[in-house]
Amino acid sequence: MKVKFLGASRIVTGSNILVETENEKFLIDCGMFQGSKELEKRNWEDFKFNPSEIDFMLLSHAHIDHSGRIPKLVNEGFKGTIYTTNATKDLLDVMLKDSAKIQENDADWENKKRKRAGKKAIKPLYTTNDAKNSLKYVKDLNYDSFYKINDSISVRFLNAGHMLGSSIIEIYVKESSGTSKLVFSGDLGMPGRPILKDPKFVDSCDYLIIESTYGNTVHEDYKSQIKKLIEIIENTTSNNGTVIIPAFAVGRTQEIIYELNNYYEKLGKAYQYKKIPIYIDSPMAVKSTKVFTRNSYDFDDEAKEKILSGDNVFKFDNLHYVEDVNESKMLNQVKFPRVIISSSGMATAGRVRHHLKHNLYDENSSVVFVGYQAEGSLGRILIDGAKTVKLLGEEIAVKAAIYRIEGVSGHADEPFLLEWVNSIKKKPKKIFLVHGEEDQMLPFQKALIENLGLNAEIAEENIEYDLKAFDEKDYEEIYSNSSSIDHSIVNLEAKIENLRKIKKTIEKDNISIEQKNLLEEKIKDISRDIMDINMILGK
């Protein structure tokens, strides 16, 4: 088995891994490069492989730095199946179409300038129709079940706790020299975070590819960071300022809504004066929140209990969803205390750039970054202390307070990354570090080597790594139908029991839409498990 890293090598973007075995070629992720202009130019480069020769693809999650070049891949000849989780498939429908719209708008903007300069027009990287077409190749799989892609490859998706639908991918590769297990961590989340379940642990692997976004960082206490965010909101709005929160439309936005819902519920009606307007100004965030509601069976127990009790966790009195562009513009025509949560999370595109243009020069306002900021992005430039920035063709003075709250990051920090690796009972023979910058990767590599005694190296781009297969019987049961059926039946029994509990809890006529969705999705989930068993039996 040969592995080649074609993105996310010493950078936190462009995830793309090519795996070649005796019998097939497949990809893990096909992400877009985001951040600086130099990085974004890479999206236009030819793939380092022939897309028509790729048999299938495994997708860890829907974030654009992992999925954003899928339409380009399909356009250039890929006709295989893209395997991913149920929720990721739903989110791709939102995110790839949104990405295509950005590509089209960027091309229109550039072509207006080119026309005035007498230059030839350019085409977008891909169109909305391209994005729609690429979705036809996506097949959704359940968490925790083993799937035989073919006689040589079996896979299992485990919950990574990073965002809705995110997964750790276990890949079992059978070759003439033996069977090997390759694990890709995807983007790992932090345990104990709201809405999503904690990341799963892996029992064993021969080779591990692991993200290292925060490999040299210890996140601050989550609850204290949420408290800090609320204090910023209260202090800024009490001075008649605006709080701008550039947030990723999928994941971070829903998490902030969830926490603000909790906060305002605890305040109660006696503190109505503190309930300043919260605006979610991102069409993609609005659509993604609906996907979250439809996939509530993936939520943690606390979030499910709230839904079953009748609490819509993504809706409260002072929360307003903005979809219409004219309503978005109105927010910048009138000054009053409020919070605007808008994408993109790194402020590289989207409506948030307009809100920053109209508020960065206001010394009473605040900008709060709540996620990773790639090198070269506007978010990183502001965090690094820029006094002026160029936004939408204008030079804007930076007088607003700039805050960075890392404790709410969706990525695991160094202690949890080390705990996660150390929990693997049968340790990997080799570990490859991806999805990180050098100041995070090098200390993490050192900790893996010196603290855990493991063979770890930073994955270099375009270098082909030859991974030896081992003549072991550890993974042979994965390829037997009886074993796969046993795993599927165990999952099915647990889900049926859970469904009984839910039905008993909401056995009444006046259930909410959210409760109904949760019940219906549980039934669909069970139907998928039955389909899994039928597929294994060849029915």
Protein backbone atom coordinates (compact mmCIF):
# COMPACT_ATOMS: atom_id res chain seq x y z
CA MET A 1 0.00 0.00 0.00
CA LYS A 2 1.31 3.41 -0.99
CA VAL A 3 0.15 6.71 0.49
CA LYS A 4 0.77 10.19 -0.90
CA PHE A 5 -0.23 13.44 0.86
CA LEU A 6 -1.44 16.11 -1.57
CA GLY A 7 -2.64 18.78 0.86
CA ALA A 8 -2.76 19.72 4.55
CA SER A 9 1.00 19.09 4.77
CA ARG A 10 2.49 21.65 7.17
CA ILE A 11 -0.68 23.72 6.57
CA VAL A 12 -4.23 23.53 7.93
CA THR A 13 -6.14 23.34 4.67
CA GLY A 14 -6.54 21.34 1.46
CA SER A 15 -6.90 17.86 2.98
CA ASN A 16 -6.29 15.29 0.21
CA ILE A 17 -4.65 11.86 0.52
CA LEU A 18 -4.10 9.38 -2.30
CA VAL A 19 -3.92 5.68 -1.38
CA GLU A 20 -2.82 3.07 -3.90
CA THR A 21 -3.07 -0.67 -3.20
CA GLU A 22 -2.46 -3.75 -5.33
CA ASN A 23 -5.94 -3.51 -6.77
CA GLU A 24 -7.23 0.06 -6.53
CA LYS A 25 -6.63 3.77 -6.06
CA PHE A 26 -8.77 5.78 -3.68
CA LEU A 27 -8.83 9.20 -2.02
CA ILE A 28 -9.35 10.31 1.55
CA ASP A 29 -10.89 13.80 1.41
CA CYS A 30 -10.64 16.31 -1.43
CA GLY A 31 -10.54 19.68 0.29
CA MET A 32 -10.17 23.23 -0.88
CA PHE A 33 -7.14 25.37 -0.01
CA GLN A 34 -8.20 28.39 2.06
CA GLY A 35 -6.36 31.34 3.58
CA SER A 36 -3.83 33.43 1.67
CA LYS A 37 -4.13 34.23 -2.05
CA GLU A 38 -1.13 32.00 -2.72
CA LEU A 39 -2.83 29.06 -1.04
CA GLU A 40 -6.13 29.68 -2.82
CA LYS A 41 -4.36 29.66 -6.20
CA ARG A 42 -3.63 25.99 -5.57
CA ASN A 43 -7.32 25.15 -6.05
CA TRP A 44 -6.85 25.84 -9.76
CA GLU A 45 -3.89 23.50 -10.17
CA ASP A 46 -4.27 20.12 -11.85
CA PHE A 47 -4.68 17.16 -9.54
CA LYS A 48 -1.51 15.13 -9.05
CA PHE A 49 -3.40 12.06 -10.26
CA ASN A 50 -5.88 11.19 -12.99
CA PRO A 51 -9.38 11.62 -11.44
CA SER A 52 -10.84 9.01 -13.82
CA GLU A 53 -8.50 6.37 -12.33
CA ILE A 54 -9.75 6.88 -8.76
CA ASP A 55 -12.05 4.00 -7.77
CA PHE A 56 -13.73 5.63 -4.77
CA MET A 57 -13.33 8.28 -2.10
CA LEU A 58 -13.73 8.35 1.69
CA LEU A 59 -14.82 11.71 3.13
CA SER A 60 -14.18 12.49 6.79
CA HIS A 61 -16.54 15.48 7.07
CA ALA A 62 -18.21 18.33 5.22
CA HIS A 63 -15.96 21.30 6.03
CA ILE A 64 -14.80 22.89 2.78
CA ASP A 65 -11.09 22.35 3.52
CA HIS A 66 -11.93 18.62 3.37
CA SER A 67 -14.68 18.52 0.73
CA GLY A 68 -14.47 21.71 -1.34
CA ARG A 69 -12.81 20.34 -4.50
CA ILE A 70 -15.21 17.42 -4.98
CA PRO A 71 -17.09 19.16 -7.86
CA LYS A 72 -13.75 19.85 -9.58
CA LEU A 73 -12.80 16.18 -9.08
CA VAL A 74 -16.04 15.01 -10.70
CA ASN A 75 -15.71 17.56 -13.52
CA GLU A 76 -12.30 16.16 -14.38
CA GLY A 77 -13.33 12.53 -14.65
CA PHE A 78 -14.04 10.94 -11.24
CA LYS A 79 -17.03 8.60 -11.49
CA GLY A 80 -16.61 6.50 -8.34
CA THR A 81 -18.60 6.49 -5.10
CA ILE A 82 -17.95 8.98 -2.29
CA TYR A 83 -18.54 7.22 1.03
CA THR A 84 -19.33 9.33 4.08
CA THR A 85 -21.74 9.57 7.02
CA ASN A 86 -25.47 10.33 6.89
CA ALA A 87 -25.21 13.86 8.32
CA THR A 88 -22.18 14.71 6.15
CA LYS A 89 -24.17 13.85 3.04
CA ASP A 90 -26.94 16.24 4.18
CA LEU A 91 -24.44 19.01 4.92
CA LEU A 92 -22.65 18.58 1.58
CA ASP A 93 -25.87 19.52 -0.16
CA VAL A 94 -25.68 22.88 1.61
CA MET A 95 -21.95 23.48 1.64
CA LEU A 96 -20.94 22.55 -1.89
CA LYS A 97 -23.75 24.61 -3.39
CA ASP A 98 -22.74 27.55 -1.20
CA SER A 99 -19.09 27.13 -2.20
CA ALA A 100 -20.13 27.06 -5.87
CA LYS A 101 -22.06 30.29 -5.43
CA ILE A 102 -18.95 31.92 -3.98
CA GLN A 103 -16.89 30.67 -6.96
CA GLU A 104 -19.46 32.11 -9.37
CA ASN A 105 -19.63 35.46 -7.56
CA ASP A 106 -15.83 35.72 -7.40
CA ALA A 107 -15.58 35.01 -11.12
CA ASP A 108 -18.25 37.64 -11.90
CA TRP A 109 -16.41 40.23 -9.79
CA GLU A 110 -13.08 39.43 -11.44
CA ASN A 111 -14.59 39.46 -14.93
CA LYS A 112 -15.99 42.97 -14.46
CA LYS A 113 -12.44 44.18 -13.76
CA ARG A 114 -11.06 42.12 -16.64
CA LYS A 115 -13.60 43.55 -19.07
CA ARG A 116 -12.61 47.12 -18.15
CA ALA A 117 -8.95 46.16 -18.60
CA GLY A 118 -9.62 44.46 -21.95
CA LYS A 119 -8.63 41.04 -20.60
CA LYS A 120 -10.16 37.64 -21.32
CA ALA A 121 -12.92 36.48 -18.97
CA ILE A 122 -12.31 33.58 -16.59
CA LYS A 123 -14.59 30.71 -15.53
CA PRO A 124 -15.41 29.86 -11.92
CA LEU A 125 -13.61 26.92 -10.34
CA TYR A 126 -16.99 25.17 -10.55
CA THR A 127 -20.65 26.12 -10.82
CA THR A 128 -23.80 25.39 -8.83
CA ASN A 129 -24.77 22.80 -11.45
CA ASP A 130 -21.34 21.16 -11.01
CA ALA A 131 -21.91 20.99 -7.26
CA LYS A 132 -25.39 19.46 -7.73
CA ASN A 133 -23.99 16.90 -10.16
CA SER A 134 -21.21 15.85 -7.76
CA LEU A 135 -23.76 15.05 -5.04
CA LYS A 136 -25.04 12.15 -7.15
CA TYR A 137 -21.86 10.23 -6.32
CA VAL A 138 -22.27 10.46 -2.53
CA LYS A 139 -23.37 7.38 -0.56
CA ASP A 140 -24.10 7.72 3.15
CA LEU A 141 -23.13 5.07 5.69
CA ASN A 142 -23.97 4.63 9.37
CA TYR A 143 -21.49 5.21 12.16
CA ASP A 144 -19.90 2.15 13.78
CA SER A 145 -20.84 -0.46 11.14
CA PHE A 146 -18.29 -2.28 9.00
CA TYR A 147 -18.74 -1.94 5.23
CA LYS A 148 -17.05 -3.99 2.52
CA ILE A 149 -16.22 -1.60 -0.32
CA ASN A 150 -14.93 -4.59 -2.32
CA ASP A 151 -13.09 -7.85 -1.66
CA SER A 152 -9.93 -5.94 -0.67
CA ILE A 153 -11.18 -2.89 1.26
CA SER A 154 -13.46 -2.60 4.28
CA VAL A 155 -14.16 0.59 6.21
CA ARG A 156 -15.80 1.84 9.38
CA PHE A 157 -16.72 5.41 10.28
CA LEU A 158 -16.48 6.43 13.96
CA ASN A 159 -17.74 9.68 15.46
CA ALA A 160 -14.90 12.25 15.60
CA GLY A 161 -16.84 14.81 17.68
CA HIS A 162 -15.53 17.70 15.55
CA MET A 163 -18.74 18.73 13.78
CA LEU A 164 -22.03 17.10 12.83
CA GLY A 165 -21.26 13.99 10.80
CA SER A 166 -17.49 14.18 11.30
CA SER A 167 -15.68 10.87 11.39
CA ILE A 168 -12.56 8.94 12.17
CA ILE A 169 -12.08 6.49 9.29
CA GLU A 170 -10.81 2.96 9.86
CA ILE A 171 -9.62 1.36 6.60
CA TYR A 172 -8.82 -2.35 6.34
CA VAL A 173 -6.68 -3.21 3.32
CA LYS A 174 -6.21 -6.83 2.24
CA GLU A 175 -3.25 -7.49 -0.08
CA SER A 176 -1.36 -10.61 -1.10
CA SER A 177 1.28 -9.91 1.55
CA GLY A 178 -1.21 -9.48 4.39
CA THR A 179 -3.92 -7.24 5.83
CA SER A 180 -3.23 -3.78 7.25
CA LYS A 181 -5.35 -1.28 9.13
CA LEU A 182 -4.94 2.40 8.26
CA VAL A 183 -6.69 4.98 10.44
CA PHE A 184 -7.33 8.60 9.52
CA SER A 185 -8.32 10.68 12.55
CA GLY A 186 -10.06 13.30 10.41
CA ASP A 187 -10.48 16.45 12.49
CA LEU A 188 -10.82 15.36 16.11
CA GLY A 189 -13.04 17.32 18.47
CA MET A 190 -12.78 17.92 22.20
CA PRO A 191 -14.71 15.83 24.74
CA GLY A 192 -17.37 17.46 26.90
CA ARG A 193 -18.55 19.94 24.27
CA PRO A 194 -22.23 20.75 23.70
CA ILE A 195 -24.55 19.18 21.11
CA LEU A 196 -22.17 16.55 19.72
CA LYS A 197 -21.08 13.24 21.18
CA ASP A 198 -17.49 12.89 22.38
CA PRO A 199 -14.88 11.56 19.93
CA LYS A 200 -14.63 7.78 19.79
CA PHE A 201 -11.40 5.98 20.60
CA VAL A 202 -9.69 3.46 18.29
CA ASP A 203 -8.64 0.02 19.52
CA SER A 204 -5.83 -0.70 17.08
CA CYS A 205 -4.09 0.25 13.86
CA ASP A 206 -0.93 -0.39 11.88
CA TYR A 207 -0.68 3.13 10.45
CA LEU A 208 -2.20 6.34 11.79
CA ILE A 209 -2.71 9.65 10.00
CA ILE A 210 -3.58 12.27 12.61
CA GLU A 211 -4.42 15.95 12.55
CA SER A 212 -2.26 18.35 14.58
CA THR A 213 -4.01 21.72 14.34
CA TYR A 214 -3.41 22.37 18.05
CA GLY A 215 -0.59 19.89 18.67
CA ASN A 216 1.29 22.42 20.83
CA THR A 217 -1.68 24.07 22.56
CA VAL A 218 -3.64 23.51 25.74
CA HIS A 219 -7.14 24.90 25.33
CA GLU A 220 -8.47 27.06 28.11
CA ASP A 221 -11.41 25.74 30.12
CA TYR A 222 -14.46 25.66 27.88
CA LYS A 223 -16.97 27.04 30.40
CA SER A 224 -14.66 29.94 31.31
CA GLN A 225 -14.34 30.78 27.60
CA ILE A 226 -18.11 30.83 27.15
CA LYS A 227 -18.32 33.07 30.21
CA LYS A 228 -15.70 35.36 28.62
CA LEU A 229 -17.72 35.51 25.39
CA ILE A 230 -20.87 36.53 27.28
CA GLU A 231 -18.91 39.17 29.22
CA ILE A 232 -17.63 40.63 25.92
CA ILE A 233 -21.20 40.73 24.62
CA GLU A 234 -22.55 42.43 27.75
CA ASN A 235 -19.70 44.96 28.04
CA THR A 236 -19.74 45.89 24.34
CA THR A 237 -23.51 46.25 24.05
CA SER A 238 -23.71 48.25 27.28
CA ASN A 239 -21.49 50.81 25.48
CA ASN A 240 -23.88 50.80 22.49
CA GLY A 241 -21.41 48.79 20.44
CA THR A 242 -21.84 45.89 18.05
CA VAL A 243 -20.27 42.46 18.58
CA ILE A 244 -19.20 40.80 15.34
CA ILE A 245 -18.50 37.07 15.59
CA PRO A 246 -17.03 35.58 12.40
CA ALA A 247 -18.06 31.94 12.80
CA PHE A 248 -18.00 28.86 10.64
CA ALA A 249 -21.56 28.38 9.40
CA VAL A 250 -21.50 24.70 10.25
CA GLY A 251 -20.62 23.70 13.78
CA ARG A 252 -19.37 26.80 15.54
CA THR A 253 -22.47 28.90 14.81
CA GLN A 254 -24.80 26.19 16.17
CA GLU A 255 -22.61 25.76 19.26
CA ILE A 256 -22.75 29.48 20.04
CA ILE A 257 -26.53 29.54 19.52
CA TYR A 258 -26.85 26.57 21.88
CA GLU A 259 -24.79 28.26 24.61
CA LEU A 260 -26.61 31.60 24.25
CA ASN A 261 -29.92 29.74 24.47
CA ASN A 262 -28.76 28.22 27.77
CA TYR A 263 -27.63 31.62 29.04
CA TYR A 264 -30.85 33.46 28.24
CA GLU A 265 -32.96 30.60 29.64
CA LYS A 266 -31.15 30.91 32.96
CA LEU A 267 -31.61 34.69 33.01
CA GLY A 268 -35.36 34.29 32.79
CA LYS A 269 -37.94 37.01 32.17
CA ALA A 270 -36.70 39.17 35.03
CA TYR A 271 -33.67 40.13 32.95
CA GLN A 272 -35.32 41.02 29.65
CA TYR A 273 -33.14 44.13 29.39
CA LYS A 274 -30.07 41.90 28.94
CA LYS A 275 -31.62 40.08 25.99
CA ILE A 276 -30.09 42.13 23.23
CA PRO A 277 -30.78 41.05 19.59
CA ILE A 278 -28.67 38.20 18.20
CA TYR A 279 -28.55 38.01 14.40
CA ILE A 280 -27.43 34.93 12.50
CA ASP A 281 -26.53 36.51 9.17
CA SER A 282 -25.51 33.61 6.96
CA PRO A 283 -27.83 31.77 4.58
CA MET A 284 -25.60 28.71 4.87
CA ALA A 285 -25.77 28.83 8.68
CA VAL A 286 -29.57 28.98 8.50
CA LYS A 287 -29.72 25.97 6.15
CA SER A 288 -27.09 24.10 8.18
CA THR A 289 -29.03 24.64 11.41
CA LYS A 290 -32.01 22.93 9.74
CA VAL A 291 -29.73 20.01 8.87
CA PHE A 292 -28.66 19.85 12.53
CA THR A 293 -32.30 19.64 13.58
CA ARG A 294 -32.96 16.82 11.09
CA ASN A 295 -29.92 14.89 12.36
CA SER A 296 -30.55 15.28 16.08
CA TYR A 297 -30.07 11.52 16.58
CA ASP A 298 -26.31 12.30 16.40
CA PHE A 299 -26.55 14.71 19.35
CA ASP A 300 -25.26 13.98 22.83
CA ASP A 301 -27.64 12.96 25.63
CA GLU A 302 -27.98 16.47 27.09
CA ALA A 303 -29.06 18.00 23.76
CA LYS A 304 -31.47 15.14 23.09
CA GLU A 305 -33.05 15.52 26.51
CA LYS A 306 -33.60 19.23 25.85
CA ILE A 307 -35.33 18.44 22.56
CA LEU A 308 -37.47 15.72 24.14
CA SER A 309 -38.51 18.16 26.87
CA GLY A 310 -39.80 20.51 24.16
CA ASP A 311 -36.86 22.95 24.08
CA ASN A 312 -35.85 24.02 20.59
CA VAL A 313 -32.12 24.44 21.23
CA PHE A 314 -31.63 26.59 18.10
CA LYS A 315 -34.38 29.10 18.76
CA PHE A 316 -35.05 31.72 21.45
CA ASP A 317 -36.88 35.04 21.71
CA ASN A 318 -34.03 37.44 20.89
CA LEU A 319 -32.49 35.26 18.15
CA HIS A 320 -33.12 36.32 14.56
CA TYR A 321 -32.14 34.39 11.43
CA VAL A 322 -31.28 36.64 8.47
CA GLU A 323 -31.58 35.16 4.98
CA ASP A 324 -32.58 38.11 2.80
CA VAL A 325 -29.63 40.17 1.54
CA ASN A 326 -31.58 43.43 1.98
CA GLU A 327 -32.17 42.64 5.65
CA SER A 328 -28.45 41.97 5.96
CA LYS A 329 -27.66 45.38 4.47
CA MET A 330 -30.15 47.04 6.85
CA LEU A 331 -28.05 45.86 9.80
CA ASN A 332 -25.29 48.23 8.69
CA GLN A 333 -27.56 51.21 8.08
CA VAL A 334 -28.65 51.60 11.69
CA LYS A 335 -26.45 51.52 14.81
CA PHE A 336 -27.79 49.85 17.93
CA PRO A 337 -26.42 47.31 20.45
CA ARG A 338 -26.52 43.80 18.97
CA VAL A 339 -24.54 40.68 18.15
CA ILE A 340 -23.99 39.64 14.53
CA ILE A 341 -22.81 36.08 13.96
CA SER A 342 -21.82 35.68 10.33
CA SER A 343 -19.60 33.58 8.10
CA SER A 344 -16.98 32.97 6.99
CA GLY A 345 -15.17 32.00 10.18
CA MET A 346 -11.81 33.31 8.95
CA ALA A 347 -13.46 36.44 7.43
CA THR A 348 -12.11 35.51 4.01
CA ALA A 349 -15.51 35.69 2.26
CA GLY A 350 -19.22 36.11 2.90
CA ARG A 351 -21.41 38.71 4.57
CA VAL A 352 -19.16 39.04 7.62
CA ARG A 353 -16.73 41.15 5.55
CA HIS A 354 -19.45 43.78 5.05
CA HIS A 355 -20.18 43.83 8.79
CA LEU A 356 -16.48 44.20 9.56
CA LYS A 357 -16.20 47.06 7.06
CA HIS A 358 -18.98 48.94 8.88
CA ASN A 359 -17.82 48.19 12.44
CA LEU A 360 -14.03 47.77 12.59
CA TYR A 361 -13.50 51.53 12.80
CA ASP A 362 -15.92 51.83 15.75
CA GLU A 363 -13.99 51.86 19.04
CA ASN A 364 -17.14 50.83 20.93
CA SER A 365 -17.50 47.61 18.96
CA SER A 366 -15.81 44.23 19.30
CA VAL A 367 -14.79 41.42 16.99
CA VAL A 368 -14.55 37.94 18.49
CA PHE A 369 -12.82 35.08 16.68
CA VAL A 370 -13.91 31.67 17.94
CA GLY A 371 -12.09 29.28 15.60
CA TYR A 372 -8.82 28.56 13.85
CA GLN A 373 -7.46 31.41 11.69
CA ALA A 374 -5.23 30.25 8.83
CA GLU A 375 -2.09 32.13 7.92
CA GLY A 376 -2.90 34.91 5.44
CA SER A 377 -6.61 35.07 6.32
CA LEU A 378 -8.18 38.37 7.39
CA GLY A 379 -8.91 36.82 10.77
CA ARG A 380 -5.22 36.04 11.36
CA ILE A 381 -4.22 39.53 10.14
CA LEU A 382 -6.60 41.16 12.65
CA ILE A 383 -5.51 38.89 15.51
CA ASP A 384 -1.87 39.68 14.73
CA GLY A 385 -2.60 43.36 15.44
CA ALA A 386 -3.12 45.10 12.08
CA LYS A 387 -3.98 48.80 12.49
CA THR A 388 -5.64 49.05 9.08
CA VAL A 389 -7.00 46.46 6.65
CA LYS A 390 -8.27 46.61 3.09
CA LEU A 391 -11.87 45.48 2.87
CA LEU A 392 -14.09 45.49 -0.22
CA GLY A 393 -11.87 48.05 -1.94
CA GLU A 394 -11.53 50.41 1.05
CA GLU A 395 -8.83 51.01 3.66
CA ILE A 396 -10.47 50.51 7.07
CA ALA A 397 -8.99 51.60 10.40
CA VAL A 398 -9.05 48.94 13.10
CA LYS A 399 -10.31 50.58 16.30
CA ALA A 400 -12.72 47.90 17.51
CA ALA A 401 -11.47 45.55 20.22
CA ILE A 402 -10.21 42.27 18.73
CA TYR A 403 -10.62 39.11 20.80
CA ARG A 404 -9.62 35.52 20.23
CA ILE A 405 -11.37 32.78 22.18
CA GLU A 406 -9.58 29.50 21.50
CA GLY A 407 -11.23 27.44 24.24
CA VAL A 408 -14.30 26.90 22.07
CA SER A 409 -12.30 25.44 19.18
CA GLY A 410 -13.71 22.36 17.49
CA HIS A 411 -10.22 20.82 17.31
CA ALA A 412 -8.58 18.66 19.98
CA ASP A 413 -5.67 20.18 21.91
CA GLU A 414 -2.33 18.53 22.68
CA PRO A 415 -3.39 16.76 25.92
CA PHE A 416 -6.42 15.15 24.28
CA LEU A 417 -4.53 14.28 21.09
CA LEU A 418 -1.92 12.47 23.19
CA GLU A 419 -4.62 10.78 25.29
CA TRP A 420 -6.40 9.65 22.12
CA VAL A 421 -3.24 8.15 20.61
CA ASN A 422 -2.17 6.56 23.89
CA SER A 423 -5.59 4.87 24.25
CA ILE A 424 -4.87 2.74 21.15
CA LYS A 425 -4.19 -0.72 22.56
CA LYS A 426 -2.36 -2.08 19.54
CA LYS A 427 -0.13 0.90 18.77
CA PRO A 428 0.61 2.03 15.20
CA LYS A 429 3.94 1.12 13.65
CA LYS A 430 4.06 4.58 12.15
CA ILE A 431 2.22 7.87 12.63
CA PHE A 432 1.93 10.63 10.02
CA LEU A 433 1.11 14.16 11.17
CA VAL A 434 -1.07 16.30 8.90
CA HIS A 435 -3.34 19.36 9.13
CA GLY A 436 -1.11 21.63 11.19
CA GLU A 437 1.47 24.38 10.99
CA GLU A 438 5.05 23.69 12.02
CA ASP A 439 4.88 25.50 15.36
CA GLN A 440 2.14 23.01 16.36
CA MET A 441 3.38 19.92 14.53
CA LEU A 442 7.01 19.80 15.64
CA PRO A 443 6.30 19.82 19.42
CA PHE A 444 3.50 17.27 18.91
CA GLN A 445 5.82 15.01 16.95
CA LYS A 446 8.40 15.30 19.72
CA ALA A 447 5.80 14.43 22.38
CA LEU A 448 4.67 11.34 20.44
CA ILE A 449 8.28 10.16 20.13
CA GLU A 450 9.61 11.04 23.59
CA ASN A 451 6.49 10.68 25.77
CA LEU A 452 4.79 7.73 24.06
CA GLY A 453 7.78 6.09 22.35
CA LEU A 454 6.11 6.03 18.94
CA ASN A 455 7.47 6.39 15.41
CA ALA A 456 6.01 9.71 14.24
CA GLU A 457 6.87 11.98 11.35
CA ILE A 458 5.41 15.01 9.63
CA ALA A 459 3.83 14.00 6.32
CA GLU A 460 5.61 15.67 3.42
CA GLU A 461 3.65 16.70 0.37
CA ASN A 462 4.01 14.72 -2.87
CA ILE A 463 6.24 12.12 -1.23
CA GLU A 464 5.07 8.55 -1.77
CA TYR A 465 5.21 6.44 1.40
CA ASP A 466 5.35 2.67 0.98
CA LEU A 467 3.47 1.05 3.86
CA LYS A 468 4.34 -2.58 4.44
CA ALA A 469 1.51 -5.05 5.02
CA PHE A 470 1.81 -7.42 7.97
CA ASP A 471 0.99 -11.11 7.80
CA GLU A 472 -1.41 -10.97 10.72
CA LYS A 473 -4.87 -12.42 11.28
CA ASP A 474 -6.09 -9.58 13.51
CA TYR A 475 -8.40 -8.09 10.88
CA GLU A 476 -9.54 -11.18 9.00
CA GLU A 477 -12.90 -11.27 10.82
CA ILE A 478 -13.76 -7.89 9.30
CA TYR A 479 -14.02 -9.60 5.92
CA SER A 480 -16.39 -12.33 7.12
CA ASN A 481 -20.13 -11.82 6.64
CA SER A 482 -20.99 -13.38 10.00
CA SER A 483 -18.81 -10.89 11.88
CA SER A 484 -20.28 -7.94 9.96
CA ILE A 485 -23.82 -9.17 10.70
CA ASP A 486 -22.98 -9.54 14.41
CA HIS A 487 -21.75 -5.92 14.57
CA SER A 488 -24.83 -4.67 12.71
CA ILE A 489 -27.27 -6.61 14.93
CA VAL A 490 -25.66 -5.26 18.12
CA ASN A 491 -26.03 -1.71 16.77
CA LEU A 492 -29.61 -2.38 15.70
CA GLU A 493 -30.67 -3.78 19.08
CA ALA A 494 -29.25 -0.77 20.92
CA LYS A 495 -31.03 1.67 18.61
CA ILE A 496 -34.39 -0.12 18.92
CA GLU A 497 -34.13 0.07 22.71
CA ASN A 498 -33.28 3.77 22.48
CA LEU A 499 -36.28 4.31 20.19
CA ARG A 500 -38.59 2.70 22.76
CA LYS A 501 -37.34 5.15 25.41
CA ILE A 502 -37.87 8.14 23.13
CA LYS A 503 -41.37 6.99 22.13
CA LYS A 504 -42.31 6.56 25.79
CA THR A 505 -41.01 10.07 26.60
CA ILE A 506 -43.00 11.84 23.90
CA GLU A 507 -46.10 9.63 23.73
CA LYS A 508 -48.56 12.43 23.25
CA ASP A 509 -50.41 14.15 20.42
CA ASN A 510 -48.93 17.65 20.69
CA ILE A 511 -45.26 16.85 20.12
CA SER A 512 -43.04 19.56 18.65
CA ILE A 513 -41.56 19.45 15.16
CA GLU A 514 -38.12 18.90 16.69
CA GLN A 515 -39.39 15.95 18.76
CA LYS A 516 -41.10 14.50 15.70
CA ASN A 517 -37.89 14.90 13.67
CA LEU A 518 -35.87 13.11 16.34
CA LEU A 519 -38.33 10.21 16.37
CA GLU A 520 -38.51 9.97 12.56
CA GLU A 521 -34.73 10.10 12.16
CA LYS A 522 -34.32 7.32 14.73
CA ILE A 523 -36.72 5.17 12.69
CA LYS A 524 -34.77 5.99 9.50
CA ASP A 525 -31.53 5.08 11.27
CA ILE A 526 -32.94 1.67 12.19
CA SER A 527 -34.11 1.21 8.59
CA ARG A 528 -30.55 1.90 7.42
CA ASP A 529 -29.23 -0.79 9.79
CA ILE A 530 -31.70 -3.30 8.38
CA MET A 531 -30.51 -2.36 4.89
CA ASP A 532 -26.91 -2.93 6.04
CA ILE A 533 -27.77 -6.46 7.14
CA ASN A 534 -29.61 -7.18 3.89
CA MET A 535 -26.62 -5.86 1.93
CA ILE A 536 -24.27 -8.19 3.82
CA LEU A 537 -26.62 -11.13 3.16
CA GLY A 538 -26.72 -10.17 -0.50
CA LYS A 539 -30.45 -9.50 -0.53
